[in-house]
Amino acid sequence: MKLARQAKILELINREVVDTQEDLARRLKESGFKVTQATVSRDIREMKLTKTAGPDGKSRYAARIEEENGLGSKYIRALQNAFVSMDTAQNLLVIHTVQGMAMAAATALDEMQMKEVVGCIAGDNTIMCATRSAEDAVKVKEHIEKMM
């Protein structure tokens, strides 16, 4: 649940201006998560979120990406914790995850911003990751295998 909640936090702060813990807690509750302000505070600290100035000058939460071989280590851990298996089908990479973890793992893949990946769609335990070509699907698969 924590991983899914933190993935949702990343999704929210990347998509919308979230400037207070209370605002983040409210948005998480609207998304179906049962959270307290203390839980949100711990997540912010654990995820090492920071406040930055947005394009409009308004303060907002943002993720600091720790580089580890060009990828954020938090995202690598999220994938490692969720990963079960994967296979390619033309330009698609199909990744099977632990039940309920596909959304968090797909968010991690999206946040890694691999140039070969066009986007990911997640179900409950399966991710369909679209790449630009069949060769790119193989590259991404090999890259993920190295992370595991």
N, C-alpha and C. Protein backbone atom coordinates (compact mmCIF):
# COMPACT_ATOMS: atom_id res chain seq x y z
N MET A 1 0.83 -1.19 0.00
CA MET A 1 0.00 0.00 0.00
C MET A 1 0.88 1.26 0.00
N LYS A 2 1.96 1.21 0.76
CA LYS A 2 2.83 2.37 0.84
C LYS A 2 3.43 2.71 -0.53
N LEU A 3 3.86 1.68 -1.24
CA LEU A 3 4.47 1.91 -2.55
C LEU A 3 3.44 2.50 -3.52
N ALA A 4 2.22 1.98 -3.48
CA ALA A 4 1.16 2.51 -4.34
C ALA A 4 0.83 3.95 -3.97
N ARG A 5 0.80 4.25 -2.66
CA ARG A 5 0.51 5.61 -2.21
C ARG A 5 1.62 6.56 -2.66
N GLN A 6 2.87 6.13 -2.52
CA GLN A 6 3.98 6.99 -2.92
C GLN A 6 4.02 7.17 -4.44
N ALA A 7 3.64 6.14 -5.18
CA ALA A 7 3.54 6.29 -6.64
C ALA A 7 2.47 7.31 -6.98
N LYS A 8 1.35 7.28 -6.25
CA LYS A 8 0.27 8.25 -6.48
C LYS A 8 0.76 9.67 -6.14
N ILE A 9 1.55 9.79 -5.08
CA ILE A 9 2.10 11.10 -4.72
C ILE A 9 2.94 11.63 -5.87
N LEU A 10 3.81 10.79 -6.43
CA LEU A 10 4.63 11.21 -7.57
C LEU A 10 3.76 11.64 -8.75
N GLU A 11 2.73 10.86 -9.01
CA GLU A 11 1.82 11.20 -10.10
C GLU A 11 1.17 12.55 -9.85
N LEU A 12 0.70 12.77 -8.63
CA LEU A 12 0.02 14.03 -8.30
C LEU A 12 0.95 15.23 -8.43
N ILE A 13 2.14 15.13 -7.85
CA ILE A 13 3.03 16.30 -7.86
C ILE A 13 3.60 16.58 -9.24
N ASN A 14 3.65 15.56 -10.09
CA ASN A 14 4.12 15.77 -11.46
C ASN A 14 3.03 16.31 -12.37
N ARG A 15 1.77 16.07 -12.01
CA ARG A 15 0.65 16.47 -12.86
C ARG A 15 0.02 17.79 -12.41
N GLU A 16 0.05 18.07 -11.10
CA GLU A 16 -0.66 19.22 -10.55
C GLU A 16 0.25 20.00 -9.60
N VAL A 17 -0.16 21.21 -9.31
CA VAL A 17 0.55 22.01 -8.31
C VAL A 17 0.03 21.59 -6.94
N VAL A 18 0.92 21.02 -6.15
CA VAL A 18 0.59 20.61 -4.78
C VAL A 18 1.56 21.38 -3.89
N ASP A 19 1.02 22.28 -3.07
CA ASP A 19 1.91 23.16 -2.32
C ASP A 19 1.89 22.95 -0.80
N THR A 20 0.97 22.16 -0.28
CA THR A 20 0.94 21.91 1.16
C THR A 20 0.70 20.43 1.43
N GLN A 21 1.09 19.99 2.62
CA GLN A 21 0.83 18.61 3.02
C GLN A 21 -0.67 18.35 3.11
N GLU A 22 -1.40 19.35 3.57
CA GLU A 22 -2.85 19.20 3.69
C GLU A 22 -3.48 19.00 2.31
N ASP A 23 -3.01 19.76 1.32
CA ASP A 23 -3.52 19.63 -0.04
C ASP A 23 -3.19 18.24 -0.59
N LEU A 24 -1.98 17.76 -0.33
CA LEU A 24 -1.58 16.44 -0.79
C LEU A 24 -2.44 15.36 -0.11
N ALA A 25 -2.65 15.48 1.19
CA ALA A 25 -3.48 14.52 1.92
C ALA A 25 -4.91 14.50 1.35
N ARG A 26 -5.46 15.67 1.06
CA ARG A 26 -6.81 15.76 0.51
C ARG A 26 -6.89 15.06 -0.85
N ARG A 27 -5.91 15.30 -1.69
CA ARG A 27 -5.91 14.70 -3.03
C ARG A 27 -5.73 13.18 -2.95
N LEU A 28 -4.92 12.72 -2.00
CA LEU A 28 -4.76 11.28 -1.81
C LEU A 28 -6.07 10.65 -1.34
N LYS A 29 -6.76 11.33 -0.43
CA LYS A 29 -8.05 10.82 0.05
C LYS A 29 -9.05 10.77 -1.10
N GLU A 30 -9.05 11.78 -1.96
CA GLU A 30 -9.94 11.80 -3.13
C GLU A 30 -9.62 10.65 -4.08
N SER A 31 -8.38 10.18 -4.03
CA SER A 31 -7.96 9.07 -4.90
C SER A 31 -8.17 7.72 -4.22
N GLY A 32 -8.75 7.73 -3.03
CA GLY A 32 -9.08 6.48 -2.36
C GLY A 32 -8.09 5.99 -1.31
N PHE A 33 -7.08 6.80 -1.00
CA PHE A 33 -6.11 6.41 0.02
C PHE A 33 -6.55 6.94 1.38
N LYS A 34 -6.42 6.12 2.41
CA LYS A 34 -6.72 6.55 3.77
C LYS A 34 -5.40 7.02 4.38
N VAL A 35 -5.26 8.34 4.52
CA VAL A 35 -4.00 8.91 5.02
C VAL A 35 -4.28 9.95 6.09
N THR A 36 -3.26 10.16 6.90
CA THR A 36 -3.28 11.25 7.87
C THR A 36 -2.19 12.23 7.46
N GLN A 37 -2.20 13.39 8.08
CA GLN A 37 -1.15 14.37 7.78
C GLN A 37 0.21 13.79 8.18
N ALA A 38 0.27 13.00 9.25
CA ALA A 38 1.54 12.39 9.70
C ALA A 38 2.06 11.41 8.65
N THR A 39 1.16 10.64 8.03
CA THR A 39 1.56 9.70 6.98
C THR A 39 2.13 10.46 5.79
N VAL A 40 1.46 11.52 5.39
CA VAL A 40 1.92 12.33 4.26
C VAL A 40 3.28 12.95 4.59
N SER A 41 3.44 13.42 5.79
CA SER A 41 4.71 14.02 6.21
C SER A 41 5.84 13.00 6.13
N ARG A 42 5.58 11.76 6.60
CA ARG A 42 6.59 10.70 6.53
C ARG A 42 6.93 10.37 5.08
N ASP A 43 5.89 10.28 4.24
CA ASP A 43 6.14 9.98 2.83
C ASP A 43 6.99 11.07 2.18
N ILE A 44 6.68 12.32 2.45
CA ILE A 44 7.45 13.44 1.89
C ILE A 44 8.92 13.34 2.30
N ARG A 45 9.13 13.05 3.58
CA ARG A 45 10.50 12.94 4.11
C ARG A 45 11.20 11.73 3.48
N GLU A 46 10.52 10.59 3.48
CA GLU A 46 11.10 9.36 2.95
C GLU A 46 11.41 9.46 1.45
N MET A 47 10.52 10.12 0.72
CA MET A 47 10.70 10.27 -0.72
C MET A 47 11.64 11.42 -1.07
N LYS A 48 12.05 12.16 -0.04
CA LYS A 48 12.95 13.30 -0.21
C LYS A 48 12.40 14.32 -1.19
N LEU A 49 11.09 14.59 -1.06
CA LEU A 49 10.47 15.61 -1.89
C LEU A 49 10.97 16.97 -1.43
N THR A 50 10.98 17.89 -2.34
CA THR A 50 11.45 19.23 -2.03
C THR A 50 10.43 20.23 -2.56
N LYS A 51 10.49 21.43 -2.05
CA LYS A 51 9.62 22.50 -2.58
C LYS A 51 10.44 23.32 -3.57
N THR A 52 9.82 23.57 -4.72
CA THR A 52 10.47 24.39 -5.74
C THR A 52 9.47 25.41 -6.25
N ALA A 53 9.98 26.37 -6.95
CA ALA A 53 9.09 27.38 -7.55
C ALA A 53 8.63 26.86 -8.90
N GLY A 54 7.32 26.87 -9.11
CA GLY A 54 6.75 26.44 -10.38
C GLY A 54 6.88 27.55 -11.42
N PRO A 55 6.43 27.32 -12.64
CA PRO A 55 6.52 28.31 -13.70
C PRO A 55 5.79 29.61 -13.35
N ASP A 56 4.76 29.49 -12.51
CA ASP A 56 4.01 30.66 -12.11
C ASP A 56 4.59 31.35 -10.87
N GLY A 57 5.72 30.80 -10.38
CA GLY A 57 6.36 31.37 -9.20
C GLY A 57 5.82 30.83 -7.89
N LYS A 58 4.75 30.07 -7.95
CA LYS A 58 4.14 29.49 -6.75
C LYS A 58 4.95 28.28 -6.29
N SER A 59 5.12 28.16 -4.98
CA SER A 59 5.85 27.04 -4.40
C SER A 59 5.06 25.75 -4.56
N ARG A 60 5.79 24.66 -4.86
CA ARG A 60 5.14 23.36 -5.05
C ARG A 60 6.10 22.24 -4.71
N TYR A 61 5.54 21.06 -4.40
CA TYR A 61 6.37 19.88 -4.15
C TYR A 61 6.90 19.33 -5.45
N ALA A 62 8.13 18.82 -5.41
CA ALA A 62 8.76 18.20 -6.57
C ALA A 62 9.66 17.07 -6.08
N ALA A 63 9.87 16.09 -6.94
CA ALA A 63 10.73 14.96 -6.59
C ALA A 63 12.16 15.30 -6.96
N ARG A 64 13.05 14.98 -6.06
CA ARG A 64 14.48 15.06 -6.35
C ARG A 64 14.89 13.69 -6.81
N ILE A 65 15.38 13.57 -8.02
CA ILE A 65 15.78 12.27 -8.54
C ILE A 65 17.24 12.03 -8.19
N GLU A 66 17.45 10.94 -7.42
CA GLU A 66 18.81 10.54 -7.09
C GLU A 66 19.31 9.70 -8.25
N GLU A 67 20.44 10.05 -8.78
CA GLU A 67 20.93 9.33 -9.94
C GLU A 67 21.68 8.08 -9.51
N GLU A 68 21.37 6.99 -10.16
CA GLU A 68 22.05 5.72 -9.97
C GLU A 68 22.07 5.08 -11.34
N ASN A 69 23.23 5.12 -12.00
CA ASN A 69 23.32 4.65 -13.38
C ASN A 69 22.32 5.37 -14.27
N GLY A 70 22.09 6.65 -14.03
CA GLY A 70 21.19 7.42 -14.86
C GLY A 70 19.73 7.29 -14.47
N LEU A 71 19.40 6.49 -13.47
CA LEU A 71 18.01 6.28 -13.08
C LEU A 71 17.85 6.58 -11.60
N GLY A 72 16.70 7.06 -11.21
CA GLY A 72 16.43 7.31 -9.80
C GLY A 72 16.38 6.01 -9.02
N SER A 73 17.13 5.91 -7.95
CA SER A 73 17.19 4.67 -7.18
C SER A 73 15.84 4.29 -6.58
N LYS A 74 15.01 5.27 -6.24
CA LYS A 74 13.67 4.97 -5.72
C LYS A 74 12.86 4.21 -6.76
N TYR A 75 13.00 4.61 -8.02
CA TYR A 75 12.25 3.98 -9.08
C TYR A 75 12.75 2.56 -9.33
N ILE A 76 14.05 2.38 -9.24
CA ILE A 76 14.61 1.04 -9.40
C ILE A 76 14.08 0.12 -8.30
N ARG A 77 14.07 0.60 -7.06
CA ARG A 77 13.56 -0.21 -5.94
C ARG A 77 12.08 -0.53 -6.14
N ALA A 78 11.31 0.42 -6.61
CA ALA A 78 9.88 0.19 -6.84
C ALA A 78 9.70 -0.93 -7.86
N LEU A 79 10.47 -0.90 -8.93
CA LEU A 79 10.39 -1.96 -9.93
C LEU A 79 10.83 -3.30 -9.37
N GLN A 80 11.93 -3.29 -8.64
CA GLN A 80 12.43 -4.53 -8.07
C GLN A 80 11.42 -5.16 -7.11
N ASN A 81 10.75 -4.34 -6.32
CA ASN A 81 9.77 -4.85 -5.36
C ASN A 81 8.53 -5.41 -6.04
N ALA A 82 8.19 -4.89 -7.21
CA ALA A 82 6.96 -5.28 -7.89
C ALA A 82 7.16 -6.37 -8.94
N PHE A 83 8.32 -6.48 -9.49
CA PHE A 83 8.60 -7.30 -10.67
C PHE A 83 8.39 -8.80 -10.43
N VAL A 84 7.72 -9.45 -11.42
CA VAL A 84 7.59 -10.91 -11.43
C VAL A 84 8.23 -11.47 -12.70
N SER A 85 7.80 -10.98 -13.87
CA SER A 85 8.35 -11.47 -15.14
C SER A 85 8.02 -10.47 -16.25
N MET A 86 8.60 -10.70 -17.44
CA MET A 86 8.29 -9.83 -18.58
C MET A 86 8.60 -10.56 -19.88
N ASP A 87 7.97 -10.07 -20.94
CA ASP A 87 8.18 -10.61 -22.27
C ASP A 87 7.87 -9.52 -23.29
N THR A 88 8.38 -9.67 -24.50
CA THR A 88 8.11 -8.69 -25.55
C THR A 88 7.15 -9.27 -26.58
N ALA A 89 6.43 -8.38 -27.23
CA ALA A 89 5.55 -8.72 -28.35
C ALA A 89 5.63 -7.54 -29.31
N GLN A 90 6.43 -7.66 -30.34
CA GLN A 90 6.69 -6.56 -31.27
C GLN A 90 7.26 -5.37 -30.50
N ASN A 91 6.56 -4.21 -30.56
CA ASN A 91 7.08 -3.02 -29.87
C ASN A 91 6.49 -2.88 -28.46
N LEU A 92 5.89 -3.94 -27.94
CA LEU A 92 5.32 -3.90 -26.60
C LEU A 92 6.15 -4.74 -25.64
N LEU A 93 6.29 -4.23 -24.45
CA LEU A 93 6.92 -4.98 -23.37
C LEU A 93 5.82 -5.22 -22.35
N VAL A 94 5.54 -6.49 -22.06
CA VAL A 94 4.51 -6.84 -21.10
C VAL A 94 5.21 -7.28 -19.82
N ILE A 95 4.92 -6.56 -18.74
CA ILE A 95 5.58 -6.82 -17.45
C ILE A 95 4.52 -7.29 -16.46
N HIS A 96 4.79 -8.42 -15.84
CA HIS A 96 3.89 -8.95 -14.81
C HIS A 96 4.46 -8.58 -13.45
N THR A 97 3.59 -8.12 -12.56
CA THR A 97 4.02 -7.66 -11.24
C THR A 97 3.27 -8.42 -10.15
N VAL A 98 3.68 -8.19 -8.93
CA VAL A 98 2.96 -8.67 -7.76
C VAL A 98 1.57 -8.04 -7.81
N GLN A 99 0.56 -8.79 -7.38
CA GLN A 99 -0.82 -8.31 -7.40
C GLN A 99 -0.93 -6.93 -6.75
N GLY A 100 -1.56 -5.98 -7.45
CA GLY A 100 -1.79 -4.65 -6.92
C GLY A 100 -0.62 -3.68 -7.07
N MET A 101 0.47 -4.11 -7.69
CA MET A 101 1.67 -3.27 -7.77
C MET A 101 1.95 -2.73 -9.17
N ALA A 102 1.12 -3.07 -10.14
CA ALA A 102 1.42 -2.65 -11.52
C ALA A 102 1.43 -1.14 -11.67
N MET A 103 0.49 -0.44 -11.03
CA MET A 103 0.43 1.01 -11.19
C MET A 103 1.70 1.68 -10.65
N ALA A 104 2.16 1.22 -9.50
CA ALA A 104 3.38 1.80 -8.92
C ALA A 104 4.59 1.52 -9.81
N ALA A 105 4.68 0.30 -10.33
CA ALA A 105 5.80 -0.05 -11.20
C ALA A 105 5.73 0.73 -12.52
N ALA A 106 4.52 0.90 -13.07
CA ALA A 106 4.37 1.67 -14.30
C ALA A 106 4.75 3.14 -14.09
N THR A 107 4.37 3.67 -12.95
CA THR A 107 4.76 5.05 -12.63
C THR A 107 6.28 5.15 -12.55
N ALA A 108 6.91 4.16 -11.93
CA ALA A 108 8.37 4.14 -11.84
C ALA A 108 8.99 4.12 -13.23
N LEU A 109 8.46 3.27 -14.12
CA LEU A 109 8.98 3.22 -15.50
C LEU A 109 8.80 4.55 -16.20
N ASP A 110 7.64 5.16 -16.06
CA ASP A 110 7.40 6.47 -16.68
C ASP A 110 8.37 7.52 -16.15
N GLU A 111 8.60 7.51 -14.84
CA GLU A 111 9.47 8.51 -14.23
C GLU A 111 10.94 8.33 -14.61
N MET A 112 11.32 7.13 -15.03
CA MET A 112 12.70 6.89 -15.46
C MET A 112 13.00 7.59 -16.78
N GLN A 113 11.97 7.96 -17.51
CA GLN A 113 12.09 8.71 -18.76
C GLN A 113 13.07 8.09 -19.74
N MET A 114 12.93 6.78 -19.96
CA MET A 114 13.76 6.11 -20.97
C MET A 114 13.28 6.56 -22.34
N LYS A 115 14.19 6.99 -23.18
CA LYS A 115 13.80 7.56 -24.47
C LYS A 115 13.11 6.55 -25.38
N GLU A 116 13.34 5.26 -25.16
CA GLU A 116 12.70 4.24 -25.98
C GLU A 116 11.23 4.02 -25.62
N VAL A 117 10.83 4.41 -24.40
CA VAL A 117 9.48 4.15 -23.91
C VAL A 117 8.55 5.29 -24.30
N VAL A 118 7.46 4.95 -24.98
CA VAL A 118 6.45 5.94 -25.35
C VAL A 118 5.50 6.16 -24.17
N GLY A 119 5.14 5.07 -23.49
CA GLY A 119 4.26 5.18 -22.33
C GLY A 119 3.89 3.81 -21.80
N CYS A 120 3.30 3.80 -20.61
CA CYS A 120 2.91 2.56 -19.94
C CYS A 120 1.45 2.63 -19.52
N ILE A 121 0.79 1.50 -19.61
CA ILE A 121 -0.58 1.36 -19.12
C ILE A 121 -0.57 0.22 -18.12
N ALA A 122 -1.15 0.44 -16.94
CA ALA A 122 -1.11 -0.58 -15.89
C ALA A 122 -2.50 -1.07 -15.53
N GLY A 123 -2.57 -2.35 -15.28
CA GLY A 123 -3.77 -2.97 -14.70
C GLY A 123 -3.47 -3.21 -13.24
N ASP A 124 -3.88 -4.33 -12.72
CA ASP A 124 -3.64 -4.65 -11.32
C ASP A 124 -2.30 -5.35 -11.14
N ASN A 125 -1.96 -6.26 -12.06
CA ASN A 125 -0.69 -6.97 -11.95
C ASN A 125 0.03 -7.09 -13.30
N THR A 126 -0.37 -6.27 -14.27
CA THR A 126 0.25 -6.31 -15.60
C THR A 126 0.44 -4.90 -16.13
N ILE A 127 1.59 -4.69 -16.77
CA ILE A 127 1.89 -3.40 -17.40
C ILE A 127 2.13 -3.65 -18.88
N MET A 128 1.54 -2.83 -19.72
CA MET A 128 1.84 -2.83 -21.14
C MET A 128 2.67 -1.58 -21.39
N CYS A 129 3.89 -1.78 -21.78
CA CYS A 129 4.83 -0.69 -22.00
C CYS A 129 5.08 -0.59 -23.51
N ALA A 130 4.63 0.50 -24.11
CA ALA A 130 4.80 0.71 -25.55
C ALA A 130 6.15 1.37 -25.82
N THR A 131 6.88 0.80 -26.77
CA THR A 131 8.16 1.38 -27.17
C THR A 131 8.06 1.81 -28.64
N ARG A 132 9.05 2.53 -29.09
CA ARG A 132 9.01 3.07 -30.45
C ARG A 132 9.19 1.98 -31.52
N SER A 133 9.89 0.89 -31.17
CA SER A 133 10.12 -0.18 -32.14
C SER A 133 10.32 -1.50 -31.40
N ALA A 134 10.32 -2.59 -32.17
CA ALA A 134 10.57 -3.91 -31.58
C ALA A 134 11.98 -3.96 -30.98
N GLU A 135 12.92 -3.32 -31.66
CA GLU A 135 14.30 -3.29 -31.15
C GLU A 135 14.36 -2.54 -29.81
N ASP A 136 13.60 -1.46 -29.72
CA ASP A 136 13.55 -0.70 -28.47
C ASP A 136 12.94 -1.53 -27.34
N ALA A 137 11.95 -2.35 -27.66
CA ALA A 137 11.33 -3.20 -26.64
C ALA A 137 12.37 -4.16 -26.07
N VAL A 138 13.20 -4.72 -26.94
CA VAL A 138 14.26 -5.64 -26.50
C VAL A 138 15.28 -4.88 -25.64
N LYS A 139 15.65 -3.66 -26.06
CA LYS A 139 16.59 -2.84 -25.29
C LYS A 139 16.07 -2.55 -23.89
N VAL A 140 14.81 -2.14 -23.81
CA VAL A 140 14.21 -1.82 -22.51
C VAL A 140 14.14 -3.08 -21.65
N LYS A 141 13.77 -4.20 -22.26
CA LYS A 141 13.70 -5.47 -21.51
C LYS A 141 15.07 -5.81 -20.93
N GLU A 142 16.12 -5.70 -21.74
CA GLU A 142 17.48 -5.99 -21.27
C GLU A 142 17.89 -5.03 -20.17
N HIS A 143 17.50 -3.78 -20.31
CA HIS A 143 17.83 -2.76 -19.31
C HIS A 143 17.15 -3.09 -17.97
N ILE A 144 15.89 -3.46 -18.04
CA ILE A 144 15.15 -3.81 -16.81
C ILE A 144 15.75 -5.08 -16.20
N GLU A 145 16.11 -6.06 -17.03
CA GLU A 145 16.71 -7.29 -16.52
C GLU A 145 17.99 -6.99 -15.73
N LYS A 146 18.79 -6.05 -16.21
CA LYS A 146 20.01 -5.66 -15.48
C LYS A 146 19.68 -5.05 -14.12
N MET A 147 18.58 -4.29 -14.05
CA MET A 147 18.18 -3.67 -12.77
C MET A 147 17.71 -4.71 -11.77
N MET A 148 17.14 -5.80 -12.24
CA MET A 148 16.59 -6.82 -11.36
C MET A 148 17.71 -7.61 -10.73
